[in-house]
Each structure stands twice: as structure tokens, then as C-alpha cells.
Amino acid sequence: MDSPIVTKSILQCPECCSKYTERILLKGKTLSSRCVFCSAVFEITEPHQCCIYCAYGNVPCPEKQNKIKKQ
């Protein structure tokens, strides 16, 4: 039985290092976020990063979660 897709990720702001929970969109890519503590807007910076969840979160995006399950 497949495990469900995790729909929340704890993001860590690269500016102030604060952590906060954000809901993961099941479709599309989230390319930026605004820190709820310092209001800094951050986005992906490296070509291998597909979204902010994969770059700054503790849970990857649904696409990567599915790839991991299939391995």
C-alpha cells in the first residue's frame, strides 16, 4: 500500500533561520516564500532545486515524494 503524500513542510528561512510550517501545493511548483517572522522573500537559487520545499523544507514536493516511493 502506498503511503500518502505529505502536504506540510517545515521551511527554514535562509535570512533569519526561523522555521515555520507551510502547506505544500499538490500541483504546480512553489518557487518563492515569504518568511512569517522576518518577511524576507526567498526563492530557489540552484538549478537542481525544483521548488522551495526541496530547497528549504524538511519534506520534498509531491513530485519528488513520488520518485522516492518508486525507488
N, C-alpha and C. Protein backbone atom coordinates (compact mmCIF):
# COMPACT_ATOMS: atom_id res chain seq x y z
N MET A 1 0.84 -1.18 0.00
CA MET A 1 0.00 0.00 0.00
C MET A 1 0.89 1.24 0.00
N ASP A 2 0.55 2.18 -0.88
CA ASP A 2 1.32 3.42 -0.97
C ASP A 2 1.04 4.31 0.23
N SER A 3 2.10 4.96 0.70
CA SER A 3 1.89 5.93 1.77
C SER A 3 1.40 7.23 1.13
N PRO A 4 0.58 7.98 1.86
CA PRO A 4 0.03 9.22 1.29
C PRO A 4 1.11 10.29 1.12
N ILE A 5 0.81 11.22 0.24
CA ILE A 5 1.70 12.36 0.02
C ILE A 5 1.62 13.27 1.25
N VAL A 6 2.77 13.67 1.76
CA VAL A 6 2.83 14.60 2.89
C VAL A 6 2.56 15.99 2.34
N THR A 7 1.64 16.72 2.97
CA THR A 7 1.22 18.02 2.42
C THR A 7 1.65 19.21 3.27
N LYS A 8 2.53 18.99 4.23
CA LYS A 8 3.08 20.10 5.02
C LYS A 8 4.58 19.93 5.12
N SER A 9 5.27 21.04 5.07
CA SER A 9 6.73 21.03 5.19
C SER A 9 7.15 22.15 6.14
N ILE A 10 8.20 21.90 6.89
CA ILE A 10 8.76 22.94 7.75
C ILE A 10 9.87 23.61 6.96
N LEU A 11 9.65 24.88 6.62
CA LEU A 11 10.64 25.65 5.87
C LEU A 11 11.55 26.39 6.85
N GLN A 12 12.81 26.52 6.47
CA GLN A 12 13.74 27.31 7.27
C GLN A 12 14.18 28.51 6.43
N CYS A 13 13.90 29.69 6.96
CA CYS A 13 14.25 30.93 6.27
C CYS A 13 15.77 31.06 6.17
N PRO A 14 16.30 31.31 4.97
CA PRO A 14 17.75 31.47 4.82
C PRO A 14 18.27 32.79 5.39
N GLU A 15 17.38 33.74 5.67
CA GLU A 15 17.79 35.03 6.21
C GLU A 15 17.91 35.02 7.73
N CYS A 16 16.83 34.61 8.41
CA CYS A 16 16.82 34.67 9.88
C CYS A 16 16.90 33.30 10.55
N CYS A 17 16.88 32.23 9.76
CA CYS A 17 16.96 30.84 10.23
C CYS A 17 15.74 30.39 11.03
N SER A 18 14.67 31.18 11.04
CA SER A 18 13.44 30.76 11.70
C SER A 18 12.80 29.64 10.90
N LYS A 19 12.02 28.81 11.58
CA LYS A 19 11.32 27.71 10.93
C LYS A 19 9.82 27.91 11.08
N TYR A 20 9.10 27.60 10.02
CA TYR A 20 7.64 27.69 10.05
C TYR A 20 7.06 26.65 9.11
N THR A 21 5.84 26.26 9.38
CA THR A 21 5.17 25.23 8.59
C THR A 21 4.37 25.87 7.47
N GLU A 22 4.47 25.26 6.29
CA GLU A 22 3.71 25.75 5.14
C GLU A 22 3.07 24.56 4.43
N ARG A 23 1.88 24.77 3.91
CA ARG A 23 1.18 23.73 3.16
C ARG A 23 1.81 23.57 1.79
N ILE A 24 2.02 22.34 1.38
CA ILE A 24 2.60 22.05 0.06
C ILE A 24 1.47 21.95 -0.95
N LEU A 25 1.61 22.66 -2.06
CA LEU A 25 0.64 22.55 -3.15
C LEU A 25 0.82 21.20 -3.83
N LEU A 26 -0.28 20.54 -4.14
CA LEU A 26 -0.18 19.23 -4.79
C LEU A 26 0.10 19.34 -6.28
N LYS A 27 -0.23 20.47 -6.87
CA LYS A 27 0.04 20.68 -8.29
C LYS A 27 0.80 21.98 -8.46
N GLY A 28 1.70 21.99 -9.42
CA GLY A 28 2.49 23.18 -9.68
C GLY A 28 3.69 23.27 -8.76
N LYS A 29 4.52 24.24 -9.00
CA LYS A 29 5.76 24.44 -8.23
C LYS A 29 5.67 25.75 -7.46
N THR A 30 6.07 25.71 -6.21
CA THR A 30 6.16 26.92 -5.41
C THR A 30 7.61 27.39 -5.48
N LEU A 31 7.83 28.52 -6.10
CA LEU A 31 9.18 28.98 -6.37
C LEU A 31 9.69 30.02 -5.38
N SER A 32 8.79 30.55 -4.53
CA SER A 32 9.22 31.53 -3.54
C SER A 32 8.31 31.47 -2.33
N SER A 33 8.79 32.04 -1.23
CA SER A 33 8.01 32.11 0.00
C SER A 33 8.42 33.36 0.75
N ARG A 34 7.53 33.84 1.61
CA ARG A 34 7.83 34.98 2.47
C ARG A 34 7.88 34.47 3.90
N CYS A 35 8.98 34.73 4.57
CA CYS A 35 9.15 34.29 5.95
C CYS A 35 8.11 34.97 6.83
N VAL A 36 7.46 34.18 7.67
CA VAL A 36 6.43 34.73 8.55
C VAL A 36 7.03 35.50 9.72
N PHE A 37 8.33 35.38 9.93
CA PHE A 37 8.99 36.07 11.05
C PHE A 37 9.69 37.36 10.62
N CYS A 38 10.51 37.29 9.57
CA CYS A 38 11.28 38.49 9.17
C CYS A 38 10.79 39.12 7.87
N SER A 39 9.82 38.50 7.21
CA SER A 39 9.22 38.97 5.95
C SER A 39 10.16 38.91 4.75
N ALA A 40 11.31 38.26 4.89
CA ALA A 40 12.20 38.11 3.74
C ALA A 40 11.54 37.19 2.71
N VAL A 41 11.68 37.54 1.46
CA VAL A 41 11.20 36.69 0.38
C VAL A 41 12.39 35.88 -0.11
N PHE A 42 12.23 34.57 -0.14
CA PHE A 42 13.32 33.73 -0.63
C PHE A 42 12.80 32.80 -1.70
N GLU A 43 13.71 32.38 -2.57
CA GLU A 43 13.34 31.55 -3.70
C GLU A 43 14.46 30.57 -4.00
N ILE A 44 14.20 29.68 -4.95
CA ILE A 44 15.23 28.71 -5.29
C ILE A 44 16.40 29.44 -5.96
N THR A 45 17.60 28.94 -5.71
CA THR A 45 18.80 29.61 -6.22
C THR A 45 19.70 28.71 -7.04
N GLU A 46 19.50 27.41 -6.94
CA GLU A 46 20.35 26.45 -7.63
C GLU A 46 19.56 25.72 -8.71
N PRO A 47 20.18 25.38 -9.83
CA PRO A 47 19.46 24.69 -10.92
C PRO A 47 18.86 23.34 -10.51
N HIS A 48 19.48 22.65 -9.56
CA HIS A 48 18.97 21.33 -9.15
C HIS A 48 17.78 21.42 -8.18
N GLN A 49 17.48 22.61 -7.70
CA GLN A 49 16.34 22.81 -6.79
C GLN A 49 15.08 23.03 -7.62
N CYS A 50 14.07 22.21 -7.38
CA CYS A 50 12.87 22.35 -8.21
C CYS A 50 11.84 23.28 -7.57
N CYS A 51 11.89 23.44 -6.24
CA CYS A 51 10.91 24.28 -5.55
C CYS A 51 11.45 24.63 -4.16
N ILE A 52 10.75 25.49 -3.45
CA ILE A 52 11.24 25.89 -2.12
C ILE A 52 11.18 24.76 -1.11
N TYR A 53 10.26 23.81 -1.29
CA TYR A 53 10.18 22.69 -0.35
C TYR A 53 11.41 21.81 -0.46
N CYS A 54 11.87 21.58 -1.68
CA CYS A 54 13.07 20.76 -1.89
C CYS A 54 14.33 21.52 -1.46
N ALA A 55 14.30 22.83 -1.56
CA ALA A 55 15.47 23.64 -1.22
C ALA A 55 15.56 24.00 0.26
N TYR A 56 14.42 24.32 0.88
CA TYR A 56 14.44 24.86 2.24
C TYR A 56 13.59 24.07 3.24
N GLY A 57 12.91 23.03 2.79
CA GLY A 57 11.99 22.31 3.65
C GLY A 57 12.49 20.97 4.14
N ASN A 58 11.77 20.43 5.11
CA ASN A 58 12.12 19.11 5.62
C ASN A 58 11.39 18.00 4.87
N VAL A 59 10.42 18.37 4.03
CA VAL A 59 9.68 17.42 3.20
C VAL A 59 9.74 17.92 1.75
N PRO A 60 10.13 17.07 0.81
CA PRO A 60 10.18 17.50 -0.59
C PRO A 60 8.79 17.63 -1.20
N CYS A 61 8.72 18.18 -2.39
CA CYS A 61 7.47 18.37 -3.10
C CYS A 61 6.85 17.02 -3.47
N PRO A 62 5.56 16.99 -3.81
CA PRO A 62 4.90 15.73 -4.17
C PRO A 62 5.59 14.98 -5.31
N GLU A 63 6.10 15.69 -6.29
CA GLU A 63 6.79 15.05 -7.41
C GLU A 63 7.99 14.25 -6.92
N LYS A 64 8.80 14.84 -6.06
CA LYS A 64 9.97 14.13 -5.52
C LYS A 64 9.55 13.03 -4.55
N GLN A 65 8.49 13.26 -3.79
CA GLN A 65 7.99 12.21 -2.90
C GLN A 65 7.60 10.97 -3.69
N ASN A 66 6.94 11.18 -4.85
CA ASN A 66 6.54 10.06 -5.71
C ASN A 66 7.76 9.34 -6.27
N LYS A 67 8.78 10.09 -6.66
CA LYS A 67 10.01 9.48 -7.20
C LYS A 67 10.69 8.62 -6.14
N ILE A 68 10.71 9.11 -4.90
CA ILE A 68 11.33 8.37 -3.81
C ILE A 68 10.58 7.06 -3.55
N LYS A 69 9.25 7.12 -3.60
CA LYS A 69 8.43 5.92 -3.37
C LYS A 69 8.69 4.84 -4.42
N LYS A 70 8.95 5.27 -5.66
CA LYS A 70 9.13 4.32 -6.77
C LYS A 70 10.50 3.68 -6.77
N GLN A 71 11.43 4.19 -6.00
CA GLN A 71 12.79 3.63 -5.99
C GLN A 71 12.87 2.36 -5.20
